[in-house]
Amino acid sequence: MEFYVVLVTVADRPTAETIAGTLVSEALAKCVNIVNDITSIFHWENKVQKEQELLLIVKTKKDNFASMVSRIKELHPYTVPEIIALPIVEGYDKYLDWLGA
């Protein structure tokens, strides 16, 4: 079984908790960490932007990714939300068993 860590940025705590809670309750993710107070600097609409955001660190099965992206897009207020998947190439066996269960 293959797993991903998915990174998603959001503008505020209510959005972070809504997306995290929905993904876990709908079994699209096994666990979501919410990291407060990150600074994002990015190029958008022909200028460099700087925003305070929160970061969601989502642990999920690769098979859930497409459905998870669709659900995040429904819940996320950004026009183009950051949704980036990184493969988990190694991990503690018992944790990966739990993640796959």
PDB file of N, CA and C in Angstrom:
ATOM      1  N   MET A   1       0.847  -1.180   0.000  1.00  0.00           N
ATOM      2  CA  MET A   1       0.000   0.000   0.000  1.00  0.00           C
ATOM      3  C   MET A   1       0.894   1.245   0.000  1.00  0.00           C
ATOM      4  N   GLU A   2       0.488   2.262  -0.747  1.00  0.00           N
ATOM      5  CA  GLU A   2       1.267   3.497  -0.822  1.00  0.00           C
ATOM      6  C   GLU A   2       0.551   4.612  -0.070  1.00  0.00           C
ATOM      7  N   PHE A   3       1.368   5.489   0.544  1.00  0.00           N
ATOM      8  CA  PHE A   3       0.844   6.578   1.363  1.00  0.00           C
ATOM      9  C   PHE A   3       1.443   7.907   0.927  1.00  0.00           C
ATOM     10  N   TYR A   4       0.696   8.971   1.226  1.00  0.00           N
ATOM     11  CA  TYR A   4       1.151  10.331   0.954  1.00  0.00           C
ATOM     12  C   TYR A   4       1.091  11.173   2.217  1.00  0.00           C
ATOM     13  N   VAL A   5       1.983  12.154   2.276  1.00  0.00           N
ATOM     14  CA  VAL A   5       1.834  13.320   3.138  1.00  0.00           C
ATOM     15  C   VAL A   5       1.423  14.436   2.189  1.00  0.00           C
ATOM     16  N   VAL A   6       0.306  15.077   2.498  1.00  0.00           N
ATOM     17  CA  VAL A   6      -0.225  16.127   1.621  1.00  0.00           C
ATOM     18  C   VAL A   6      -0.167  17.453   2.379  1.00  0.00           C
ATOM     19  N   LEU A   7       0.364  18.476   1.731  1.00  0.00           N
ATOM     20  CA  LEU A   7       0.473  19.811   2.316  1.00  0.00           C
ATOM     21  C   LEU A   7      -0.603  20.710   1.722  1.00  0.00           C
ATOM     22  N   VAL A   8      -1.322  21.399   2.609  1.00  0.00           N
ATOM     23  CA  VAL A   8      -2.389  22.315   2.198  1.00  0.00           C
ATOM     24  C   VAL A   8      -2.265  23.565   3.060  1.00  0.00           C
ATOM     25  N   THR A   9      -2.211  24.732   2.446  1.00  0.00           N
ATOM     26  CA  THR A   9      -2.195  25.979   3.209  1.00  0.00           C
ATOM     27  C   THR A   9      -3.584  26.594   3.208  1.00  0.00           C
ATOM     28  N   VAL A  10      -3.913  27.263   4.327  1.00  0.00           N
ATOM     29  CA  VAL A  10      -5.202  27.949   4.472  1.00  0.00           C
ATOM     30  C   VAL A  10      -4.964  29.280   5.184  1.00  0.00           C
ATOM     31  N   ALA A  11      -5.944  30.170   5.079  1.00  0.00           N
ATOM     32  CA  ALA A  11      -5.790  31.520   5.626  1.00  0.00           C
ATOM     33  C   ALA A  11      -6.162  31.643   7.097  1.00  0.00           C
ATOM     34  N   ASP A  12      -7.022  30.735   7.597  1.00  0.00           N
ATOM     35  CA  ASP A  12      -7.516  30.934   8.963  1.00  0.00           C
ATOM     36  C   ASP A  12      -7.819  29.613   9.650  1.00  0.00           C
ATOM     37  N   ARG A  13      -7.940  29.678  10.976  1.00  0.00           N
ATOM     38  CA  ARG A  13      -8.172  28.491  11.808  1.00  0.00           C
ATOM     39  C   ARG A  13      -9.508  27.796  11.510  1.00  0.00           C
ATOM     40  N   PRO A  14     -10.614  28.534  11.368  1.00  0.00           N
ATOM     41  CA  PRO A  14     -11.872  27.845  11.067  1.00  0.00           C
ATOM     42  C   PRO A  14     -11.808  27.019   9.775  1.00  0.00           C
ATOM     43  N   THR A  15     -11.182  27.557   8.743  1.00  0.00           N
ATOM     44  CA  THR A  15     -11.037  26.809   7.491  1.00  0.00           C
ATOM     45  C   THR A  15     -10.167  25.576   7.705  1.00  0.00           C
ATOM     46  N   ALA A  16      -9.076  25.740   8.440  1.00  0.00           N
ATOM     47  CA  ALA A  16      -8.189  24.612   8.720  1.00  0.00           C
ATOM     48  C   ALA A  16      -8.934  23.496   9.433  1.00  0.00           C
ATOM     49  N   GLU A  17      -9.692  23.844  10.459  1.00  0.00           N
ATOM     50  CA  GLU A  17     -10.412  22.832  11.232  1.00  0.00           C
ATOM     51  C   GLU A  17     -11.546  22.198  10.435  1.00  0.00           C
ATOM     52  N   THR A  18     -12.208  22.968   9.592  1.00  0.00           N
ATOM     53  CA  THR A  18     -13.272  22.414   8.746  1.00  0.00           C
ATOM     54  C   THR A  18     -12.698  21.398   7.770  1.00  0.00           C
ATOM     55  N   ILE A  19     -11.637  21.773   7.077  1.00  0.00           N
ATOM     56  CA  ILE A  19     -11.040  20.857   6.102  1.00  0.00           C
ATOM     57  C   ILE A  19     -10.477  19.623   6.810  1.00  0.00           C
ATOM     58  N   ALA A  20      -9.736  19.816   7.886  1.00  0.00           N
ATOM     59  CA  ALA A  20      -9.145  18.682   8.611  1.00  0.00           C
ATOM     60  C   ALA A  20     -10.220  17.740   9.130  1.00  0.00           C
ATOM     61  N   GLY A  21     -11.232  18.293   9.776  1.00  0.00           N
ATOM     62  CA  GLY A  21     -12.296  17.467  10.331  1.00  0.00           C
ATOM     63  C   GLY A  21     -13.060  16.706   9.262  1.00  0.00           C
ATOM     64  N   THR A  22     -13.313  17.356   8.142  1.00  0.00           N
ATOM     65  CA  THR A  22     -14.035  16.705   7.047  1.00  0.00           C
ATOM     66  C   THR A  22     -13.211  15.566   6.459  1.00  0.00           C
ATOM     67  N   LEU A  23     -11.940  15.804   6.201  1.00  0.00           N
ATOM     68  CA  LEU A  23     -11.096  14.764   5.609  1.00  0.00           C
ATOM     69  C   LEU A  23     -11.014  13.533   6.495  1.00  0.00           C
ATOM     70  N   VAL A  24     -10.868  13.744   7.803  1.00  0.00           N
ATOM     71  CA  VAL A  24     -10.768  12.608   8.726  1.00  0.00           C
ATOM     72  C   VAL A  24     -12.125  11.926   8.879  1.00  0.00           C
ATOM     73  N   SER A  25     -13.190  12.697   9.068  1.00  0.00           N
ATOM     74  CA  SER A  25     -14.507  12.082   9.290  1.00  0.00           C
ATOM     75  C   SER A  25     -15.018  11.342   8.055  1.00  0.00           C
ATOM     76  N   GLU A  26     -14.610  11.781   6.875  1.00  0.00           N
ATOM     77  CA  GLU A  26     -15.030  11.108   5.643  1.00  0.00           C
ATOM     78  C   GLU A  26     -14.033  10.041   5.189  1.00  0.00           C
ATOM     79  N   ALA A  27     -13.052   9.733   6.044  1.00  0.00           N
ATOM     80  CA  ALA A  27     -12.044   8.693   5.788  1.00  0.00           C
ATOM     81  C   ALA A  27     -11.207   8.963   4.536  1.00  0.00           C
ATOM     82  N   LEU A  28     -11.042  10.236   4.200  1.00  0.00           N
ATOM     83  CA  LEU A  28     -10.146  10.606   3.111  1.00  0.00           C
ATOM     84  C   LEU A  28      -8.726  10.805   3.615  1.00  0.00           C
ATOM     85  N   ALA A  29      -8.582  10.960   4.926  1.00  0.00           N
ATOM     86  CA  ALA A  29      -7.286  11.074   5.585  1.00  0.00           C
ATOM     87  C   ALA A  29      -7.374  10.371   6.927  1.00  0.00           C
ATOM     88  N   LYS A  30      -6.256   9.863   7.390  1.00  0.00           N
ATOM     89  CA  LYS A  30      -6.225   9.204   8.692  1.00  0.00           C
ATOM     90  C   LYS A  30      -5.892  10.197   9.797  1.00  0.00           C
ATOM     91  N   CYS A  31      -5.098  11.219   9.462  1.00  0.00           N
ATOM     92  CA  CYS A  31      -4.654  12.202  10.456  1.00  0.00           C
ATOM     93  C   CYS A  31      -4.314  13.503   9.736  1.00  0.00           C
ATOM     94  N   VAL A  32      -4.643  14.621  10.379  1.00  0.00           N
ATOM     95  CA  VAL A  32      -4.267  15.934   9.848  1.00  0.00           C
ATOM     96  C   VAL A  32      -3.700  16.753  11.002  1.00  0.00           C
ATOM     97  N   ASN A  33      -2.478  17.255  10.828  1.00  0.00           N
ATOM     98  CA  ASN A  33      -1.880  18.194  11.781  1.00  0.00           C
ATOM     99  C   ASN A  33      -2.115  19.601  11.268  1.00  0.00           C
ATOM    100  N   ILE A  34      -2.408  20.516  12.186  1.00  0.00           N
ATOM    101  CA  ILE A  34      -2.582  21.925  11.842  1.00  0.00           C
ATOM    102  C   ILE A  34      -1.422  22.688  12.469  1.00  0.00           C
ATOM    103  N   VAL A  35      -0.616  23.306  11.623  1.00  0.00           N
ATOM    104  CA  VAL A  35       0.536  24.081  12.070  1.00  0.00           C
ATOM    105  C   VAL A  35       0.175  25.553  11.968  1.00  0.00           C
ATOM    106  N   ASN A  36       0.226  26.240  13.094  1.00  0.00           N
ATOM    107  CA  ASN A  36      -0.128  27.666  13.149  1.00  0.00           C
ATOM    108  C   ASN A  36       0.998  28.561  12.658  1.00  0.00           C
ATOM    109  N   ASP A  37       0.600  29.737  12.197  1.00  0.00           N
ATOM    110  CA  ASP A  37       1.494  30.869  12.004  1.00  0.00           C
ATOM    111  C   ASP A  37       2.705  30.593  11.129  1.00  0.00           C
ATOM    112  N   ILE A  38       2.443  30.257   9.886  1.00  0.00           N
ATOM    113  CA  ILE A  38       3.525  30.190   8.916  1.00  0.00           C
ATOM    114  C   ILE A  38       3.453  31.443   8.045  1.00  0.00           C
ATOM    115  N   THR A  39       4.564  31.873   7.545  1.00  0.00           N
ATOM    116  CA  THR A  39       4.606  32.997   6.625  1.00  0.00           C
ATOM    117  C   THR A  39       4.832  32.442   5.225  1.00  0.00           C
ATOM    118  N   SER A  40       3.936  32.765   4.321  1.00  0.00           N
ATOM    119  CA  SER A  40       4.056  32.332   2.931  1.00  0.00           C
ATOM    120  C   SER A  40       4.373  33.541   2.062  1.00  0.00           C
ATOM    121  N   ILE A  41       5.401  33.411   1.267  1.00  0.00           N
ATOM    122  CA  ILE A  41       5.773  34.437   0.295  1.00  0.00           C
ATOM    123  C   ILE A  41       5.675  33.775  -1.072  1.00  0.00           C
ATOM    124  N   PHE A  42       4.869  34.366  -1.952  1.00  0.00           N
ATOM    125  CA  PHE A  42       4.559  33.709  -3.217  1.00  0.00           C
ATOM    126  C   PHE A  42       4.248  34.743  -4.286  1.00  0.00           C
ATOM    127  N   HIS A  43       4.329  34.316  -5.524  1.00  0.00           N
ATOM    128  CA  HIS A  43       4.020  35.183  -6.657  1.00  0.00           C
ATOM    129  C   HIS A  43       2.576  34.926  -7.076  1.00  0.00           C
ATOM    130  N   TRP A  44       1.743  35.974  -7.053  1.00  0.00           N
ATOM    131  CA  TRP A  44       0.329  35.839  -7.409  1.00  0.00           C
ATOM    132  C   TRP A  44      -0.147  37.148  -8.017  1.00  0.00           C
ATOM    133  N   GLU A  45      -0.857  37.069  -9.121  1.00  0.00           N
ATOM    134  CA  GLU A  45      -1.399  38.234  -9.820  1.00  0.00           C
ATOM    135  C   GLU A  45      -0.316  39.278 -10.119  1.00  0.00           C
ATOM    136  N   ASN A  46       0.783  38.783 -10.659  1.00  0.00           N
ATOM    137  CA  ASN A  46       1.896  39.612 -11.124  1.00  0.00           C
ATOM    138  C   ASN A  46       2.624  40.392 -10.031  1.00  0.00           C
ATOM    139  N   LYS A  47       2.497  39.955  -8.767  1.00  0.00           N
ATOM    140  CA  LYS A  47       3.280  40.580  -7.711  1.00  0.00           C
ATOM    141  C   LYS A  47       3.664  39.552  -6.663  1.00  0.00           C
ATOM    142  N   VAL A  48       4.663  39.922  -5.888  1.00  0.00           N
ATOM    143  CA  VAL A  48       5.081  39.085  -4.770  1.00  0.00           C
ATOM    144  C   VAL A  48       4.152  39.392  -3.599  1.00  0.00           C
ATOM    145  N   GLN A  49       3.564  38.362  -3.045  1.00  0.00           N
ATOM    146  CA  GLN A  49       2.625  38.479  -1.927  1.00  0.00           C
ATOM    147  C   GLN A  49       3.258  37.895  -0.671  1.00  0.00           C
ATOM    148  N   LYS A  50       2.804  38.369   0.466  1.00  0.00           N
ATOM    149  CA  LYS A  50       3.234  37.829   1.756  1.00  0.00           C
ATOM    150  C   LYS A  50       1.998  37.704   2.635  1.00  0.00           C
ATOM    151  N   GLU A  51       1.731  36.488   3.127  1.00  0.00           N
ATOM    152  CA  GLU A  51       0.537  36.232   3.936  1.00  0.00           C
ATOM    153  C   GLU A  51       0.879  35.333   5.120  1.00  0.00           C
ATOM    154  N   GLN A  52       0.166  35.529   6.207  1.00  0.00           N
ATOM    155  CA  GLN A  52       0.217  34.601   7.335  1.00  0.00           C
ATOM    156  C   GLN A  52      -0.813  33.516   7.063  1.00  0.00           C
ATOM    157  N   GLU A  53      -0.404  32.280   7.174  1.00  0.00           N
ATOM    158  CA  GLU A  53      -1.295  31.161   6.891  1.00  0.00           C
ATOM    159  C   GLU A  53      -1.111  30.073   7.942  1.00  0.00           C
ATOM    160  N   LEU A  54      -1.898  29.025   7.798  1.00  0.00           N
ATOM    161  CA  LEU A  54      -1.740  27.799   8.567  1.00  0.00           C
ATOM    162  C   LEU A  54      -1.443  26.699   7.562  1.00  0.00           C
ATOM    163  N   LEU A  55      -0.754  25.668   8.033  1.00  0.00           N
ATOM    164  CA  LEU A  55      -0.389  24.553   7.174  1.00  0.00           C
ATOM    165  C   LEU A  55      -1.056  23.286   7.678  1.00  0.00           C
ATOM    166  N   LEU A  56      -1.757  22.605   6.788  1.00  0.00           N
ATOM    167  CA  LEU A  56      -2.295  21.295   7.103  1.00  0.00           C
ATOM    168  C   LEU A  56      -1.312  20.250   6.590  1.00  0.00           C
ATOM    169  N   ILE A  57      -0.965  19.312   7.459  1.00  0.00           N
ATOM    170  CA  ILE A  57      -0.121  18.175   7.083  1.00  0.00           C
ATOM    171  C   ILE A  57      -1.027  16.948   7.161  1.00  0.00           C
ATOM    172  N   VAL A  58      -1.375  16.429   6.008  1.00  0.00           N
ATOM    173  CA  VAL A  58      -2.381  15.381   5.893  1.00  0.00           C
ATOM    174  C   VAL A  58      -1.683  14.049   5.594  1.00  0.00           C
ATOM    175  N   LYS A  59      -2.036  13.009   6.352  1.00  0.00           N
ATOM    176  CA  LYS A  59      -1.528  11.675   6.078  1.00  0.00           C
ATOM    177  C   LYS A  59      -2.671  10.840   5.506  1.00  0.00           C
ATOM    178  N   THR A  60      -2.428  10.224   4.338  1.00  0.00           N
ATOM    179  CA  THR A  60      -3.494   9.516   3.640  1.00  0.00           C
ATOM    180  C   THR A  60      -2.928   8.411   2.759  1.00  0.00           C
ATOM    181  N   LYS A  61      -3.826   7.573   2.269  1.00  0.00           N
ATOM    182  CA  LYS A  61      -3.474   6.564   1.277  1.00  0.00           C
ATOM    183  C   LYS A  61      -3.429   7.219  -0.100  1.00  0.00           C
ATOM    184  N   LYS A  62      -2.512   6.767  -0.928  1.00  0.00           N
ATOM    185  CA  LYS A  62      -2.424   7.286  -2.288  1.00  0.00           C
ATOM    186  C   LYS A  62      -3.769   7.150  -3.013  1.00  0.00           C
ATOM    187  N   ASP A  63      -4.466   6.042  -2.768  1.00  0.00           N
ATOM    188  CA  ASP A  63      -5.756   5.799  -3.428  1.00  0.00           C
ATOM    189  C   ASP A  63      -6.814   6.849  -3.086  1.00  0.00           C
ATOM    190  N   ASN A  64      -6.652   7.552  -1.972  1.00  0.00           N
ATOM    191  CA  ASN A  64      -7.618   8.573  -1.561  1.00  0.00           C
ATOM    192  C   ASN A  64      -7.340   9.951  -2.163  1.00  0.00           C
ATOM    193  N   PHE A  65      -6.194  10.114  -2.815  1.00  0.00           N
ATOM    194  CA  PHE A  65      -5.747  11.454  -3.191  1.00  0.00           C
ATOM    195  C   PHE A  65      -6.731  12.193  -4.102  1.00  0.00           C
ATOM    196  N   ALA A  66      -7.185  11.582  -5.163  1.00  0.00           N
ATOM    197  CA  ALA A  66      -8.070  12.285  -6.107  1.00  0.00           C
ATOM    198  C   ALA A  66      -9.364  12.730  -5.423  1.00  0.00           C
ATOM    199  N   SER A  67      -9.954  11.871  -4.628  1.00  0.00           N
ATOM    200  CA  SER A  67     -11.183  12.234  -3.905  1.00  0.00           C
ATOM    201  C   SER A  67     -10.913  13.323  -2.885  1.00  0.00           C
ATOM    202  N   MET A  68      -9.759  13.252  -2.237  1.00  0.00           N
ATOM    203  CA  MET A  68      -9.393  14.254  -1.247  1.00  0.00           C
ATOM    204  C   MET A  68      -9.219  15.629  -1.909  1.00  0.00           C
ATOM    205  N   VAL A  69      -8.576  15.667  -3.061  1.00  0.00           N
ATOM    206  CA  VAL A  69      -8.403  16.937  -3.780  1.00  0.00           C
ATOM    207  C   VAL A  69      -9.760  17.541  -4.117  1.00  0.00           C
ATOM    208  N   SER A  70     -10.667  16.739  -4.612  1.00  0.00           N
ATOM    209  CA  SER A  70     -12.008  17.236  -4.939  1.00  0.00           C
ATOM    210  C   SER A  70     -12.698  17.820  -3.714  1.00  0.00           C
ATOM    211  N   ARG A  71     -12.585  17.131  -2.597  1.00  0.00           N
ATOM    212  CA  ARG A  71     -13.243  17.594  -1.362  1.00  0.00           C
ATOM    213  C   ARG A  71     -12.602  18.874  -0.848  1.00  0.00           C
ATOM    214  N   ILE A  72     -11.276  18.946  -0.868  1.00  0.00           N
ATOM    215  CA  ILE A  72     -10.595  20.172  -0.430  1.00  0.00           C
ATOM    216  C   ILE A  72     -11.026  21.347  -1.301  1.00  0.00           C
ATOM    217  N   LYS A  73     -11.077  21.154  -2.606  1.00  0.00           N
ATOM    218  CA  LYS A  73     -11.489  22.237  -3.508  1.00  0.00           C
ATOM    219  C   LYS A  73     -12.896  22.728  -3.195  1.00  0.00           C
ATOM    220  N   GLU A  74     -13.791  21.819  -2.778  1.00  0.00           N
ATOM    221  CA  GLU A  74     -15.149  22.224  -2.400  1.00  0.00           C
ATOM    222  C   GLU A  74     -15.161  23.087  -1.140  1.00  0.00           C
ATOM    223  N   LEU A  75     -14.252  22.811  -0.212  1.00  0.00           N
ATOM    224  CA  LEU A  75     -14.243  23.473   1.094  1.00  0.00           C
ATOM    225  C   LEU A  75     -13.319  24.684   1.173  1.00  0.00           C
ATOM    226  N   HIS A  76     -12.379  24.784   0.257  1.00  0.00           N
ATOM    227  CA  HIS A  76     -11.316  25.794   0.347  1.00  0.00           C
ATOM    228  C   HIS A  76     -11.723  27.092  -0.342  1.00  0.00           C
ATOM    229  N   PRO A  77     -11.514  28.232   0.309  1.00  0.00           N
ATOM    230  CA  PRO A  77     -11.905  29.501  -0.306  1.00  0.00           C
ATOM    231  C   PRO A  77     -10.931  30.033  -1.362  1.00  0.00           C
ATOM    232  N   TYR A  78      -9.697  29.521  -1.420  1.00  0.00           N
ATOM    233  CA  TYR A  78      -8.730  30.026  -2.396  1.00  0.00           C
ATOM    234  C   TYR A  78      -9.131  29.606  -3.814  1.00  0.00           C
ATOM    235  N   THR A  79      -8.828  30.453  -4.781  1.00  0.00           N
ATOM    236  CA  THR A  79      -9.047  30.136  -6.186  1.00  0.00           C
ATOM    237  C   THR A  79      -8.192  28.948  -6.610  1.00  0.00           C
ATOM    238  N   VAL A  80      -6.935  28.964  -6.169  1.00  0.00           N
ATOM    239  CA  VAL A  80      -5.990  27.892  -6.485  1.00  0.00           C
ATOM    240  C   VAL A  80      -5.333  27.444  -5.181  1.00  0.00           C
ATOM    241  N   PRO A  81      -5.968  26.524  -4.455  1.00  0.00           N
ATOM    242  CA  PRO A  81      -5.377  26.086  -3.189  1.00  0.00           C
ATOM    243  C   PRO A  81      -4.116  25.250  -3.412  1.00  0.00           C
ATOM    244  N   GLU A  82      -3.184  25.392  -2.484  1.00  0.00           N
ATOM    245  CA  GLU A  82      -2.003  24.536  -2.498  1.00  0.00           C
ATOM    246  C   GLU A  82      -2.417  23.155  -2.007  1.00  0.00           C
ATOM    247  N   ILE A  83      -2.223  22.161  -2.849  1.00  0.00           N
ATOM    248  CA  ILE A  83      -2.469  20.766  -2.487  1.00  0.00           C
ATOM    249  C   ILE A  83      -1.325  19.978  -3.122  1.00  0.00           C
ATOM    250  N   ILE A  84      -0.336  19.624  -2.313  1.00  0.00           N
ATOM    251  CA  ILE A  84       0.876  18.975  -2.810  1.00  0.00           C
ATOM    252  C   ILE A  84       1.060  17.648  -2.093  1.00  0.00           C
ATOM    253  N   ALA A  85       1.215  16.571  -2.848  1.00  0.00           N
ATOM    254  CA  ALA A  85       1.406  15.245  -2.259  1.00  0.00           C
ATOM    255  C   ALA A  85       2.869  14.834  -2.335  1.00  0.00           C
ATOM    256  N   LEU A  86       3.366  14.344  -1.219  1.00  0.00           N
ATOM    257  CA  LEU A  86       4.725  13.808  -1.137  1.00  0.00           C
ATOM    258  C   LEU A  86       4.607  12.337  -0.749  1.00  0.00           C
ATOM    259  N   PRO A  87       5.270  11.440  -1.473  1.00  0.00           N
ATOM    260  CA  PRO A  87       5.161  10.029  -1.117  1.00  0.00           C
ATOM    261  C   PRO A  87       5.906   9.733   0.184  1.00  0.00           C
ATOM    262  N   ILE A  88       5.329   8.847   0.970  1.00  0.00           N
ATOM    263  CA  ILE A  88       6.019   8.346   2.157  1.00  0.00           C
ATOM    264  C   ILE A  88       6.829   7.143   1.693  1.00  0.00           C
ATOM    265  N   VAL A  89       8.138   7.250   1.769  1.00  0.00           N
ATOM    266  CA  VAL A  89       8.992   6.172   1.265  1.00  0.00           C
ATOM    267  C   VAL A  89       9.459   5.232   2.372  1.00  0.00           C
ATOM    268  N   GLU A  90       9.436   5.675   3.602  1.00  0.00           N
ATOM    269  CA  GLU A  90       9.807   4.857   4.759  1.00  0.00           C
ATOM    270  C   GLU A  90       8.991   5.328   5.939  1.00  0.00           C
ATOM    271  N   GLY A  91       8.815   4.451   6.916  1.00  0.00           N
ATOM    272  CA  GLY A  91       8.112   4.830   8.131  1.00  0.00           C
ATOM    273  C   GLY A  91       8.111   3.687   9.127  1.00  0.00           C
ATOM    274  N   TYR A  92       7.765   4.014  10.343  1.00  0.00           N
ATOM    275  CA  TYR A  92       7.637   3.018  11.401  1.00  0.00           C
ATOM    276  C   TYR A  92       6.530   2.052  11.016  1.00  0.00           C
ATOM    277  N   ASP A  93       6.825   0.754  11.008  1.00  0.00           N
ATOM    278  CA  ASP A  93       5.883  -0.256  10.531  1.00  0.00           C
ATOM    279  C   ASP A  93       4.518  -0.165  11.196  1.00  0.00           C
ATOM    280  N   LYS A  94       4.483  -0.022  12.505  1.00  0.00           N
ATOM    281  CA  LYS A  94       3.203   0.011  13.219  1.00  0.00           C
ATOM    282  C   LYS A  94       2.399   1.258  12.837  1.00  0.00           C
ATOM    283  N   TYR A  95       3.089   2.380  12.627  1.00  0.00           N
ATOM    284  CA  TYR A  95       2.377   3.592  12.200  1.00  0.00           C
ATOM    285  C   TYR A  95       1.801   3.393  10.799  1.00  0.00           C
ATOM    286  N   LEU A  96       2.590   2.828   9.905  1.00  0.00           N
ATOM    287  CA  LEU A  96       2.098   2.608   8.544  1.00  0.00           C
ATOM    288  C   LEU A  96       0.966   1.588   8.526  1.00  0.00           C
ATOM    289  N   ASP A  97       1.012   0.597   9.412  1.00  0.00           N
ATOM    290  CA  ASP A  97      -0.117  -0.344   9.535  1.00  0.00           C
ATOM    291  C   ASP A  97      -1.376   0.388   9.940  1.00  0.00           C
ATOM    292  N   TRP A  98      -1.243   1.288  10.933  1.00  0.00           N
ATOM    293  CA  TRP A  98      -2.382   2.083  11.389  1.00  0.00           C
ATOM    294  C   TRP A  98      -2.899   2.975  10.257  1.00  0.00           C
ATOM    295  N   LEU A  99      -1.976   3.598   9.530  1.00  0.00           N
ATOM    296  CA  LEU A  99      -2.348   4.481   8.438  1.00  0.00           C
ATOM    297  C   LEU A  99      -3.122   3.722   7.361  1.00  0.00           C
ATOM    298  N   GLY A 100      -2.757   2.484   7.139  1.00  0.00           N
ATOM    299  CA  GLY A 100      -3.410   1.686   6.099  1.00  0.00           C
ATOM    300  C   GLY A 100      -4.701   1.009   6.538  1.00  0.00           C
ATOM    301  N   ALA A 101      -4.942   0.976   7.855  1.00  0.00           N
ATOM    302  CA  ALA A 101      -6.127   0.261   8.367  1.00  0.00           C
ATOM    303  C   ALA A 101      -7.420   1.032   8.091  1.00  0.00           C
TER     304      ALA A 101
END
